[in-house]
Amino acid sequence: MDLAGIGRKKIMTFRVVHYINQFYAGMGGEDTAHVEPSIRKEATGPGLQLGNLLKGEAEVVGTVVCGDSYYGENMEKAREKCLEMISSFNPDILIAGPGFNAGRYGVACGDICAAAAEKFGIPTLTALYAENPGVEMYRSKTFIVETGDSARAMKNALDAMAL
């Protein structure tokens, strides 16, 4: 009988799914803002640094990507497809963004967080600039970390999101 593991605690790593837009997924800017939701089975874009900051307490197990314009113009369809993709990872938490002061992206981050919290009963978090319209619309439905107005504040935003 192997007794080496007796008395040791099993360390649980929380499963994080990260939602980002087409730009942070490296797909392009406005020229690709109409891309439909897609899935990556690893951390992508800012999720790579987010994973490092989580220091083994949580792991970014997948990324859901959707174009800002696509989400905004097809909100119900995009939401349902993204929720289906998020569910496939069996997450403990959903983190979206950071969306800074990008209006369409901020609304998408807030909307998918609110929908995932309601549907799956998991905590959700996004990071937005105080004047982003997503703050007013979703602050009662998800945790929102305040960020600077642009990606120049990425380091501080990711640090705050990982706390």
N, C-alpha and C. Protein backbone atom coordinates (compact mmCIF):
# COMPACT_ATOMS: atom_id res chain seq x y z
N MET A 1 0.85 -1.17 0.00
CA MET A 1 0.00 0.00 0.00
C MET A 1 0.90 1.24 0.00
N ASP A 2 0.56 2.22 -0.85
CA ASP A 2 1.33 3.46 -0.93
C ASP A 2 0.70 4.49 -0.01
N LEU A 3 1.41 4.88 1.02
CA LEU A 3 0.91 5.84 2.00
C LEU A 3 1.46 7.25 1.77
N ALA A 4 2.21 7.43 0.71
CA ALA A 4 2.87 8.71 0.48
C ALA A 4 1.88 9.87 0.34
N GLY A 5 0.70 9.61 -0.19
CA GLY A 5 -0.26 10.69 -0.41
C GLY A 5 -1.18 10.98 0.76
N ILE A 6 -1.12 10.17 1.80
CA ILE A 6 -2.01 10.37 2.94
C ILE A 6 -1.63 11.67 3.66
N GLY A 7 -2.62 12.44 3.99
CA GLY A 7 -2.39 13.68 4.70
C GLY A 7 -2.10 14.86 3.80
N ARG A 8 -1.93 14.63 2.53
CA ARG A 8 -1.70 15.74 1.60
C ARG A 8 -3.04 16.24 1.09
N LYS A 9 -3.13 17.53 0.96
CA LYS A 9 -4.34 18.11 0.39
C LYS A 9 -4.26 18.03 -1.12
N LYS A 10 -5.38 17.75 -1.72
CA LYS A 10 -5.45 17.81 -3.17
C LYS A 10 -5.66 19.27 -3.55
N ILE A 11 -4.80 19.79 -4.37
CA ILE A 11 -4.89 21.19 -4.78
C ILE A 11 -5.80 21.29 -5.99
N MET A 12 -6.83 22.14 -5.86
CA MET A 12 -7.78 22.31 -6.95
C MET A 12 -7.40 23.54 -7.77
N THR A 13 -7.35 23.38 -9.05
CA THR A 13 -7.10 24.49 -9.95
C THR A 13 -8.43 24.88 -10.58
N PHE A 14 -8.78 26.15 -10.46
CA PHE A 14 -10.02 26.63 -11.05
C PHE A 14 -9.89 26.72 -12.56
N ARG A 15 -10.95 26.33 -13.24
CA ARG A 15 -10.98 26.32 -14.71
C ARG A 15 -11.55 27.65 -15.19
N VAL A 16 -10.72 28.42 -15.89
CA VAL A 16 -11.10 29.73 -16.40
C VAL A 16 -11.31 29.65 -17.91
N VAL A 17 -12.42 30.19 -18.37
CA VAL A 17 -12.62 30.42 -19.81
C VAL A 17 -12.51 31.91 -20.02
N HIS A 18 -11.80 32.29 -21.07
CA HIS A 18 -11.55 33.70 -21.37
C HIS A 18 -12.27 34.07 -22.66
N TYR A 19 -13.03 35.15 -22.62
CA TYR A 19 -13.71 35.67 -23.81
C TYR A 19 -12.94 36.90 -24.28
N ILE A 20 -12.58 36.91 -25.57
CA ILE A 20 -11.90 38.06 -26.17
C ILE A 20 -12.47 38.34 -27.56
N ASN A 21 -12.13 39.52 -28.06
CA ASN A 21 -12.58 39.88 -29.40
C ASN A 21 -11.54 39.47 -30.45
N GLN A 22 -11.88 39.73 -31.69
CA GLN A 22 -11.03 39.33 -32.81
C GLN A 22 -9.66 40.00 -32.78
N PHE A 23 -9.60 41.23 -32.30
CA PHE A 23 -8.34 41.96 -32.26
C PHE A 23 -7.36 41.27 -31.31
N TYR A 24 -7.80 40.99 -30.09
CA TYR A 24 -6.91 40.37 -29.12
C TYR A 24 -6.61 38.91 -29.43
N ALA A 25 -7.39 38.31 -30.31
CA ALA A 25 -7.10 36.95 -30.76
C ALA A 25 -6.10 36.95 -31.92
N GLY A 26 -5.69 38.14 -32.35
CA GLY A 26 -4.71 38.25 -33.43
C GLY A 26 -5.29 38.05 -34.82
N MET A 27 -6.59 38.27 -34.95
CA MET A 27 -7.26 38.05 -36.24
C MET A 27 -7.37 39.31 -37.08
N GLY A 28 -7.07 40.47 -36.50
CA GLY A 28 -7.19 41.73 -37.22
C GLY A 28 -8.09 42.70 -36.47
N GLY A 29 -8.27 43.87 -37.07
CA GLY A 29 -9.07 44.92 -36.45
C GLY A 29 -10.46 45.00 -37.04
N GLU A 30 -10.83 46.19 -37.45
CA GLU A 30 -12.17 46.42 -38.00
C GLU A 30 -12.46 45.54 -39.22
N ASP A 31 -11.42 45.21 -39.98
CA ASP A 31 -11.61 44.38 -41.17
C ASP A 31 -12.10 42.97 -40.83
N THR A 32 -11.94 42.55 -39.58
CA THR A 32 -12.39 41.21 -39.18
C THR A 32 -13.42 41.25 -38.05
N ALA A 33 -13.99 42.42 -37.79
CA ALA A 33 -14.92 42.58 -36.67
C ALA A 33 -16.22 41.82 -36.87
N HIS A 34 -16.44 41.26 -38.05
CA HIS A 34 -17.67 40.49 -38.30
C HIS A 34 -17.48 38.98 -38.17
N VAL A 35 -16.32 38.54 -37.63
CA VAL A 35 -16.10 37.09 -37.51
C VAL A 35 -17.04 36.50 -36.47
N GLU A 36 -17.54 35.32 -36.79
CA GLU A 36 -18.45 34.61 -35.90
C GLU A 36 -17.67 34.00 -34.74
N PRO A 37 -18.38 33.59 -33.69
CA PRO A 37 -17.70 32.99 -32.55
C PRO A 37 -16.88 31.76 -32.94
N SER A 38 -15.73 31.64 -32.30
CA SER A 38 -14.87 30.47 -32.50
C SER A 38 -14.22 30.14 -31.16
N ILE A 39 -13.59 29.00 -31.15
CA ILE A 39 -13.05 28.47 -29.90
C ILE A 39 -11.57 28.16 -30.07
N ARG A 40 -10.82 28.39 -29.03
CA ARG A 40 -9.42 28.00 -28.97
C ARG A 40 -9.26 27.17 -27.70
N LYS A 41 -8.61 26.07 -27.79
CA LYS A 41 -8.47 25.17 -26.64
C LYS A 41 -7.23 25.49 -25.82
N GLU A 42 -6.89 26.77 -25.77
CA GLU A 42 -5.76 27.23 -24.97
C GLU A 42 -5.93 28.72 -24.72
N ALA A 43 -5.09 29.24 -23.85
CA ALA A 43 -5.06 30.68 -23.62
C ALA A 43 -4.54 31.36 -24.88
N THR A 44 -5.12 32.51 -25.20
CA THR A 44 -4.78 33.25 -26.41
C THR A 44 -4.70 34.73 -26.08
N GLY A 45 -3.82 35.45 -26.77
CA GLY A 45 -3.73 36.90 -26.57
C GLY A 45 -3.46 37.24 -25.12
N PRO A 46 -4.23 38.20 -24.55
CA PRO A 46 -3.98 38.58 -23.16
C PRO A 46 -4.23 37.45 -22.18
N GLY A 47 -4.89 36.40 -22.59
CA GLY A 47 -5.11 35.24 -21.72
C GLY A 47 -3.83 34.52 -21.38
N LEU A 48 -2.80 34.66 -22.23
CA LEU A 48 -1.50 34.04 -21.92
C LEU A 48 -0.91 34.67 -20.66
N GLN A 49 -0.91 36.00 -20.61
CA GLN A 49 -0.40 36.68 -19.42
C GLN A 49 -1.33 36.49 -18.23
N LEU A 50 -2.62 36.49 -18.47
CA LEU A 50 -3.58 36.24 -17.39
C LEU A 50 -3.29 34.88 -16.74
N GLY A 51 -3.04 33.87 -17.55
CA GLY A 51 -2.71 32.55 -17.04
C GLY A 51 -1.46 32.58 -16.17
N ASN A 52 -0.45 33.33 -16.59
CA ASN A 52 0.78 33.45 -15.79
C ASN A 52 0.49 34.13 -14.45
N LEU A 53 -0.35 35.14 -14.48
CA LEU A 53 -0.66 35.89 -13.26
C LEU A 53 -1.49 35.08 -12.26
N LEU A 54 -2.21 34.08 -12.73
CA LEU A 54 -3.04 33.27 -11.85
C LEU A 54 -2.22 32.29 -11.01
N LYS A 55 -0.95 32.17 -11.33
CA LYS A 55 0.05 31.45 -10.52
C LYS A 55 -0.38 30.05 -10.09
N GLY A 56 -0.99 29.30 -10.98
CA GLY A 56 -1.34 27.93 -10.67
C GLY A 56 -2.61 27.76 -9.88
N GLU A 57 -3.19 28.84 -9.38
CA GLU A 57 -4.45 28.74 -8.64
C GLU A 57 -5.63 28.55 -9.59
N ALA A 58 -5.43 28.99 -10.81
CA ALA A 58 -6.45 28.84 -11.85
C ALA A 58 -5.73 28.68 -13.18
N GLU A 59 -6.41 28.06 -14.12
CA GLU A 59 -5.81 27.82 -15.43
C GLU A 59 -6.80 28.25 -16.50
N VAL A 60 -6.29 29.00 -17.48
CA VAL A 60 -7.12 29.36 -18.62
C VAL A 60 -7.17 28.12 -19.52
N VAL A 61 -8.32 27.44 -19.51
CA VAL A 61 -8.46 26.17 -20.22
C VAL A 61 -8.96 26.36 -21.65
N GLY A 62 -9.44 27.55 -21.96
CA GLY A 62 -9.91 27.79 -23.31
C GLY A 62 -10.28 29.25 -23.51
N THR A 63 -10.39 29.61 -24.78
CA THR A 63 -10.71 30.98 -25.16
C THR A 63 -11.85 30.95 -26.16
N VAL A 64 -12.81 31.83 -25.95
CA VAL A 64 -13.90 32.03 -26.91
C VAL A 64 -13.68 33.39 -27.54
N VAL A 65 -13.69 33.41 -28.86
CA VAL A 65 -13.41 34.62 -29.63
C VAL A 65 -14.64 34.99 -30.44
N CYS A 66 -14.97 36.28 -30.47
CA CYS A 66 -16.07 36.74 -31.32
C CYS A 66 -15.77 38.17 -31.77
N GLY A 67 -16.06 38.45 -33.02
CA GLY A 67 -15.89 39.79 -33.55
C GLY A 67 -16.84 40.77 -32.89
N ASP A 68 -16.33 41.97 -32.62
CA ASP A 68 -17.14 43.00 -31.98
C ASP A 68 -18.42 43.32 -32.74
N SER A 69 -18.28 43.53 -34.04
CA SER A 69 -19.46 43.86 -34.84
C SER A 69 -20.43 42.69 -34.91
N TYR A 70 -19.90 41.48 -35.05
CA TYR A 70 -20.77 40.31 -35.12
C TYR A 70 -21.59 40.20 -33.84
N TYR A 71 -20.94 40.32 -32.69
CA TYR A 71 -21.66 40.20 -31.42
C TYR A 71 -22.73 41.28 -31.31
N GLY A 72 -22.35 42.51 -31.62
CA GLY A 72 -23.29 43.61 -31.49
C GLY A 72 -24.48 43.54 -32.43
N GLU A 73 -24.26 43.05 -33.62
CA GLU A 73 -25.32 43.00 -34.63
C GLU A 73 -26.15 41.72 -34.57
N ASN A 74 -25.66 40.72 -33.87
CA ASN A 74 -26.34 39.42 -33.76
C ASN A 74 -26.34 38.97 -32.32
N MET A 75 -26.71 39.85 -31.40
CA MET A 75 -26.48 39.61 -29.98
C MET A 75 -27.07 38.28 -29.48
N GLU A 76 -28.30 37.99 -29.78
CA GLU A 76 -28.90 36.75 -29.26
C GLU A 76 -28.21 35.52 -29.83
N LYS A 77 -27.99 35.53 -31.14
CA LYS A 77 -27.33 34.40 -31.79
C LYS A 77 -25.88 34.24 -31.29
N ALA A 78 -25.16 35.35 -31.20
CA ALA A 78 -23.77 35.31 -30.74
C ALA A 78 -23.71 34.83 -29.28
N ARG A 79 -24.60 35.36 -28.45
CA ARG A 79 -24.64 34.97 -27.04
C ARG A 79 -24.85 33.48 -26.89
N GLU A 80 -25.83 32.93 -27.60
CA GLU A 80 -26.12 31.50 -27.48
C GLU A 80 -24.96 30.64 -27.96
N LYS A 81 -24.34 31.03 -29.07
CA LYS A 81 -23.20 30.27 -29.59
C LYS A 81 -22.02 30.35 -28.62
N CYS A 82 -21.75 31.54 -28.09
CA CYS A 82 -20.65 31.70 -27.14
C CYS A 82 -20.92 30.90 -25.86
N LEU A 83 -22.16 30.92 -25.37
CA LEU A 83 -22.50 30.15 -24.17
C LEU A 83 -22.29 28.65 -24.41
N GLU A 84 -22.65 28.19 -25.59
CA GLU A 84 -22.43 26.78 -25.93
C GLU A 84 -20.94 26.44 -25.89
N MET A 85 -20.13 27.32 -26.44
CA MET A 85 -18.68 27.11 -26.46
C MET A 85 -18.10 27.18 -25.05
N ILE A 86 -18.55 28.14 -24.26
CA ILE A 86 -18.08 28.27 -22.88
C ILE A 86 -18.41 27.01 -22.10
N SER A 87 -19.62 26.53 -22.26
CA SER A 87 -20.08 25.33 -21.55
C SER A 87 -19.20 24.12 -21.85
N SER A 88 -18.69 24.03 -23.06
CA SER A 88 -17.89 22.87 -23.45
C SER A 88 -16.61 22.73 -22.62
N PHE A 89 -16.19 23.80 -21.96
CA PHE A 89 -14.99 23.77 -21.13
C PHE A 89 -15.29 23.48 -19.66
N ASN A 90 -16.56 23.40 -19.29
CA ASN A 90 -16.96 23.18 -17.91
C ASN A 90 -16.23 24.14 -16.96
N PRO A 91 -16.43 25.45 -17.16
CA PRO A 91 -15.64 26.42 -16.40
C PRO A 91 -16.12 26.62 -14.97
N ASP A 92 -15.18 27.07 -14.14
CA ASP A 92 -15.50 27.52 -12.79
C ASP A 92 -15.73 29.03 -12.78
N ILE A 93 -15.17 29.72 -13.77
CA ILE A 93 -15.30 31.18 -13.88
C ILE A 93 -15.12 31.58 -15.33
N LEU A 94 -15.79 32.68 -15.71
CA LEU A 94 -15.60 33.28 -17.03
C LEU A 94 -14.99 34.65 -16.82
N ILE A 95 -13.93 34.93 -17.55
CA ILE A 95 -13.30 36.25 -17.56
C ILE A 95 -13.38 36.78 -18.98
N ALA A 96 -13.83 38.02 -19.13
CA ALA A 96 -13.97 38.62 -20.45
C ALA A 96 -13.15 39.90 -20.53
N GLY A 97 -12.46 40.05 -21.65
CA GLY A 97 -11.72 41.28 -21.89
C GLY A 97 -10.28 41.20 -21.44
N PRO A 98 -9.75 42.37 -21.08
CA PRO A 98 -10.37 43.64 -20.77
C PRO A 98 -10.85 44.40 -22.01
N GLY A 99 -11.94 45.13 -21.83
CA GLY A 99 -12.57 45.86 -22.93
C GLY A 99 -12.25 47.34 -22.95
N PHE A 100 -11.56 47.84 -21.93
CA PHE A 100 -11.16 49.24 -21.85
C PHE A 100 -12.33 50.17 -22.20
N ASN A 101 -12.12 51.11 -23.13
CA ASN A 101 -13.20 52.03 -23.50
C ASN A 101 -13.74 51.72 -24.89
N ALA A 102 -13.57 50.49 -25.35
CA ALA A 102 -14.11 50.06 -26.64
C ALA A 102 -15.58 49.69 -26.43
N GLY A 103 -16.49 50.53 -26.91
CA GLY A 103 -17.91 50.39 -26.62
C GLY A 103 -18.51 49.05 -27.00
N ARG A 104 -18.35 48.63 -28.25
CA ARG A 104 -18.94 47.36 -28.69
C ARG A 104 -18.35 46.19 -27.92
N TYR A 105 -17.04 46.21 -27.73
CA TYR A 105 -16.35 45.14 -27.01
C TYR A 105 -16.79 45.12 -25.55
N GLY A 106 -16.90 46.28 -24.94
CA GLY A 106 -17.33 46.35 -23.55
C GLY A 106 -18.74 45.81 -23.35
N VAL A 107 -19.63 46.14 -24.27
CA VAL A 107 -21.01 45.63 -24.19
C VAL A 107 -21.00 44.11 -24.37
N ALA A 108 -20.21 43.62 -25.32
CA ALA A 108 -20.13 42.17 -25.52
C ALA A 108 -19.57 41.48 -24.28
N CYS A 109 -18.52 42.05 -23.68
CA CYS A 109 -17.94 41.47 -22.46
C CYS A 109 -18.97 41.43 -21.34
N GLY A 110 -19.67 42.53 -21.13
CA GLY A 110 -20.68 42.57 -20.09
C GLY A 110 -21.82 41.61 -20.35
N ASP A 111 -22.26 41.55 -21.61
CA ASP A 111 -23.39 40.69 -21.95
C ASP A 111 -23.06 39.22 -21.78
N ILE A 112 -21.89 38.79 -22.25
CA ILE A 112 -21.57 37.37 -22.14
C ILE A 112 -21.32 37.00 -20.68
N CYS A 113 -20.76 37.90 -19.91
CA CYS A 113 -20.57 37.63 -18.48
C CYS A 113 -21.91 37.49 -17.78
N ALA A 114 -22.83 38.42 -18.02
CA ALA A 114 -24.15 38.37 -17.38
C ALA A 114 -24.88 37.09 -17.77
N ALA A 115 -24.81 36.72 -19.04
CA ALA A 115 -25.50 35.52 -19.52
C ALA A 115 -24.90 34.25 -18.92
N ALA A 116 -23.56 34.18 -18.85
CA ALA A 116 -22.90 33.00 -18.28
C ALA A 116 -23.19 32.88 -16.78
N ALA A 117 -23.19 34.00 -16.08
CA ALA A 117 -23.49 33.96 -14.64
C ALA A 117 -24.90 33.43 -14.42
N GLU A 118 -25.82 33.89 -15.22
CA GLU A 118 -27.21 33.45 -15.08
C GLU A 118 -27.39 31.99 -15.47
N LYS A 119 -26.83 31.61 -16.60
CA LYS A 119 -27.05 30.25 -17.12
C LYS A 119 -26.29 29.18 -16.34
N PHE A 120 -25.05 29.46 -15.98
CA PHE A 120 -24.20 28.43 -15.36
C PHE A 120 -24.04 28.61 -13.85
N GLY A 121 -24.45 29.76 -13.32
CA GLY A 121 -24.29 30.00 -11.89
C GLY A 121 -22.84 30.12 -11.45
N ILE A 122 -21.99 30.62 -12.35
CA ILE A 122 -20.57 30.78 -12.04
C ILE A 122 -20.25 32.27 -11.88
N PRO A 123 -19.17 32.57 -11.17
CA PRO A 123 -18.75 33.97 -11.13
C PRO A 123 -18.21 34.40 -12.49
N THR A 124 -18.40 35.67 -12.79
CA THR A 124 -17.90 36.23 -14.04
C THR A 124 -17.25 37.58 -13.75
N LEU A 125 -16.30 37.94 -14.60
CA LEU A 125 -15.52 39.15 -14.38
C LEU A 125 -15.14 39.75 -15.71
N THR A 126 -15.23 41.05 -15.81
CA THR A 126 -14.69 41.76 -16.95
C THR A 126 -13.97 43.00 -16.44
N ALA A 127 -13.27 43.69 -17.32
CA ALA A 127 -12.54 44.90 -16.95
C ALA A 127 -12.83 45.96 -17.99
N LEU A 128 -13.37 47.09 -17.54
CA LEU A 128 -13.80 48.15 -18.45
C LEU A 128 -13.44 49.52 -17.89
N TYR A 129 -13.25 50.46 -18.77
CA TYR A 129 -13.07 51.86 -18.42
C TYR A 129 -14.40 52.38 -17.87
N ALA A 130 -14.36 53.28 -16.91
CA ALA A 130 -15.57 53.76 -16.23
C ALA A 130 -16.63 54.30 -17.20
N GLU A 131 -16.21 54.88 -18.32
CA GLU A 131 -17.16 55.48 -19.26
C GLU A 131 -17.63 54.53 -20.35
N ASN A 132 -17.17 53.30 -20.33
CA ASN A 132 -17.62 52.32 -21.32
C ASN A 132 -19.11 52.05 -21.08
N PRO A 133 -19.94 52.04 -22.13
CA PRO A 133 -21.37 51.80 -21.94
C PRO A 133 -21.68 50.45 -21.28
N GLY A 134 -20.79 49.49 -21.40
CA GLY A 134 -20.99 48.19 -20.77
C GLY A 134 -21.04 48.27 -19.25
N VAL A 135 -20.39 49.27 -18.66
CA VAL A 135 -20.39 49.41 -17.21
C VAL A 135 -21.80 49.69 -16.72
N GLU A 136 -22.43 50.70 -17.28
CA GLU A 136 -23.79 51.07 -16.86
C GLU A 136 -24.77 49.93 -17.10
N MET A 137 -24.63 49.25 -18.22
CA MET A 137 -25.57 48.20 -18.60
C MET A 137 -25.43 46.93 -17.76
N TYR A 138 -24.21 46.58 -17.33
CA TYR A 138 -23.98 45.25 -16.74
C TYR A 138 -23.39 45.25 -15.34
N ARG A 139 -23.17 46.40 -14.73
CA ARG A 139 -22.50 46.41 -13.42
C ARG A 139 -23.26 45.67 -12.34
N SER A 140 -24.55 45.51 -12.47
CA SER A 140 -25.30 44.76 -11.46
C SER A 140 -25.35 43.27 -11.77
N LYS A 141 -24.74 42.84 -12.89
CA LYS A 141 -24.84 41.45 -13.32
C LYS A 141 -23.52 40.71 -13.39
N THR A 142 -22.41 41.44 -13.22
CA THR A 142 -21.09 40.82 -13.26
C THR A 142 -20.11 41.70 -12.50
N PHE A 143 -19.00 41.13 -12.08
CA PHE A 143 -17.95 41.93 -11.47
C PHE A 143 -17.23 42.69 -12.57
N ILE A 144 -17.00 43.98 -12.34
CA ILE A 144 -16.29 44.81 -13.32
C ILE A 144 -15.12 45.49 -12.62
N VAL A 145 -13.92 45.21 -13.11
CA VAL A 145 -12.70 45.85 -12.63
C VAL A 145 -12.50 47.10 -13.48
N GLU A 146 -12.21 48.22 -12.83
CA GLU A 146 -11.99 49.45 -13.58
C GLU A 146 -10.60 49.45 -14.22
N THR A 147 -10.54 49.90 -15.48
CA THR A 147 -9.28 49.95 -16.21
C THR A 147 -9.04 51.36 -16.73
N GLY A 148 -7.88 51.54 -17.32
CA GLY A 148 -7.61 52.75 -18.08
C GLY A 148 -8.45 52.72 -19.34
N ASP A 149 -8.31 53.75 -20.17
CA ASP A 149 -9.18 53.86 -21.34
C ASP A 149 -8.72 53.08 -22.56
N SER A 150 -7.48 52.59 -22.56
CA SER A 150 -6.99 51.88 -23.75
C SER A 150 -6.04 50.77 -23.36
N ALA A 151 -5.59 50.03 -24.36
CA ALA A 151 -4.70 48.89 -24.13
C ALA A 151 -3.36 49.30 -23.53
N ARG A 152 -3.07 50.60 -23.48
CA ARG A 152 -1.86 51.05 -22.77
C ARG A 152 -1.92 50.62 -21.31
N ALA A 153 -3.13 50.38 -20.81
CA ALA A 153 -3.33 49.97 -19.41
C ALA A 153 -3.45 48.45 -19.26
N MET A 154 -3.04 47.70 -20.26
CA MET A 154 -3.20 46.24 -20.25
C MET A 154 -2.56 45.59 -19.02
N LYS A 155 -1.33 45.95 -18.71
CA LYS A 155 -0.65 45.32 -17.59
C LYS A 155 -1.44 45.52 -16.30
N ASN A 156 -1.83 46.74 -16.01
CA ASN A 156 -2.59 47.01 -14.79
C ASN A 156 -3.94 46.31 -14.81
N ALA A 157 -4.59 46.27 -15.95
CA ALA A 157 -5.89 45.60 -16.06
C ALA A 157 -5.77 44.11 -15.77
N LEU A 158 -4.79 43.45 -16.38
CA LEU A 158 -4.61 42.02 -16.16
C LEU A 158 -4.21 41.72 -14.72
N ASP A 159 -3.35 42.58 -14.15
CA ASP A 159 -2.99 42.41 -12.73
C ASP A 159 -4.23 42.45 -11.85
N ALA A 160 -5.10 43.41 -12.08
CA ALA A 160 -6.33 43.56 -11.28
C ALA A 160 -7.28 42.40 -11.51
N MET A 161 -7.37 41.91 -12.74
CA MET A 161 -8.27 40.81 -13.05
C MET A 161 -7.82 39.51 -12.39
N ALA A 162 -6.53 39.36 -12.20
CA ALA A 162 -5.98 38.11 -11.64
C ALA A 162 -6.03 38.06 -10.12
N LEU A 163 -6.32 39.18 -9.47
CA LEU A 163 -6.33 39.20 -7.99
C LEU A 163 -7.35 38.28 -7.42
